Structures are given as C-alpha cells and as structure tokens.
Amino acid sequence: MAQWQIALIREQGVNFAVAAVQDHVISNRREADKVVSALSLRLGQPVVLLGASRHGTYGRKDIVSFLQNIHPSQMPWRRIDLH
C-alpha cells in the first residue's frame, strides 16, 4: 500500500487532484506520465503532479495554469492510502 499526499479540488465545476511527488518524478516525463495515469485511474479524476521541494508542476495544461496562482499551503492536503 502506498501513501500519497493529495489535494482534492473542485474549481469552476471541474474536479481534479494534485499529488505531491519528489521533484525527480516531474523531470522524468515517462515516470510522470505513469504516475498521472495510475492516480487518475484510482481517483477517477484528472491528476496534476506538484514537486515537493521546487513546486514544479506536471499534467493538464489548464489545471497547471490555474495552479500557478495558488500557493501549495493553500491546498486542502490529505494523506490517502492507495493500493
């Protein structure tokens, strides 16, 4: 079982999740795509990745653009266990 730090957000009628990951995941496109696909399938909604230290982002461009105006401390983070 893996534990994830995830923020579940609803904005302008769109539900999506932001998952905190290590920065190296975002810099490796193949790994980032794999994580986004797996989490999207498990959570049933689009997922964007947020680098834990450098706060880089990866995922759908519209959601990434929206997140540029939000500080990570303002997101409703929670720990979620996923199998």
Protein backbone atom coordinates (compact mmCIF):
# COMPACT_ATOMS: atom_id res chain seq x y z
CA MET A 1 0.00 0.00 0.00
CA ALA A 2 1.32 3.43 -0.93
CA GLN A 3 0.55 6.60 0.96
CA TRP A 4 0.10 9.79 -1.06
CA GLN A 5 -0.18 13.45 -0.14
CA ILE A 6 -3.11 14.62 -2.29
CA ALA A 7 -5.31 17.70 -2.54
CA LEU A 8 -8.78 17.11 -3.97
CA ILE A 9 -10.04 20.32 -5.58
CA ARG A 10 -13.22 21.46 -7.31
CA GLU A 11 -12.88 24.66 -9.32
CA GLN A 12 -15.40 26.06 -11.81
CA GLY A 13 -17.23 22.73 -11.90
CA VAL A 14 -14.07 20.70 -12.56
CA ASN A 15 -12.89 18.11 -10.03
CA PHE A 16 -9.19 17.30 -10.04
CA ALA A 17 -6.44 16.10 -7.73
CA VAL A 18 -2.99 17.47 -7.04
CA ALA A 19 -0.45 14.88 -5.90
CA ALA A 20 2.80 15.83 -4.19
CA VAL A 21 5.75 13.90 -5.63
CA GLN A 22 9.51 14.03 -5.41
CA ASP A 23 10.97 16.57 -7.82
CA HIS A 24 12.74 13.94 -9.94
CA VAL A 25 9.35 12.47 -10.94
CA ILE A 26 8.37 15.73 -12.65
CA SER A 27 11.67 15.96 -14.52
CA ASN A 28 11.21 12.44 -15.95
CA ARG A 29 8.32 12.65 -18.42
CA ARG A 30 7.87 8.89 -18.70
CA GLU A 31 7.67 8.45 -14.93
CA ALA A 32 5.40 11.49 -14.57
CA ASP A 33 3.00 10.14 -17.23
CA LYS A 34 2.95 6.77 -15.47
CA VAL A 35 2.10 8.33 -12.08
CA VAL A 36 -0.56 10.65 -13.56
CA SER A 37 -2.22 7.72 -15.39
CA ALA A 38 -2.19 5.44 -12.34
CA LEU A 39 -3.52 8.07 -9.93
CA SER A 40 -6.15 9.30 -12.40
CA LEU A 41 -7.44 5.75 -12.75
CA ARG A 42 -7.53 5.21 -8.96
CA LEU A 43 -9.07 8.58 -8.12
CA GLY A 44 -11.44 8.80 -11.09
CA GLN A 45 -10.44 12.36 -11.98
CA PRO A 46 -7.61 14.29 -13.64
CA VAL A 47 -4.38 14.46 -11.65
CA VAL A 48 -1.63 17.07 -11.70
CA LEU A 49 1.73 16.47 -10.05
CA LEU A 50 3.39 19.03 -7.79
CA GLY A 51 7.09 18.75 -6.95
CA ALA A 52 7.58 18.58 -3.19
CA SER A 53 10.58 20.93 -2.97
CA ARG A 54 10.72 23.06 -6.10
CA HIS A 55 6.95 23.18 -6.66
CA GLY A 56 7.25 22.32 -10.34
CA THR A 57 4.05 21.03 -11.91
CA TYR A 58 3.15 18.41 -14.49
CA GLY A 59 -0.19 17.49 -16.04
CA ARG A 60 -3.12 19.02 -17.89
CA LYS A 61 -2.17 22.48 -19.09
CA ASP A 62 -5.43 24.14 -17.99
CA ILE A 63 -5.08 22.81 -14.44
CA VAL A 64 -1.35 23.57 -14.29
CA SER A 65 -2.11 27.14 -15.40
CA PHE A 66 -4.76 27.50 -12.68
CA LEU A 67 -2.32 26.21 -10.04
CA GLN A 68 0.25 28.89 -10.90
CA ASN A 69 -1.86 31.33 -8.84
CA ILE A 70 -2.21 29.10 -5.78
CA HIS A 71 0.46 28.54 -3.14
CA PRO A 72 0.73 24.86 -2.12
CA SER A 73 -0.02 25.79 1.50
CA GLN A 74 -3.50 26.93 0.38
CA MET A 75 -4.46 23.50 -0.96
CA PRO A 76 -6.57 21.08 1.11
CA TRP A 77 -3.90 18.39 1.53
CA ARG A 78 -4.66 14.98 2.99
CA ARG A 79 -2.90 11.64 3.19
CA ILE A 80 -4.55 8.96 1.10
CA ASP A 81 -3.68 5.26 1.10
CA LEU A 82 -3.88 3.66 -2.35
CA HIS A 83 -3.27 0.02 -3.18
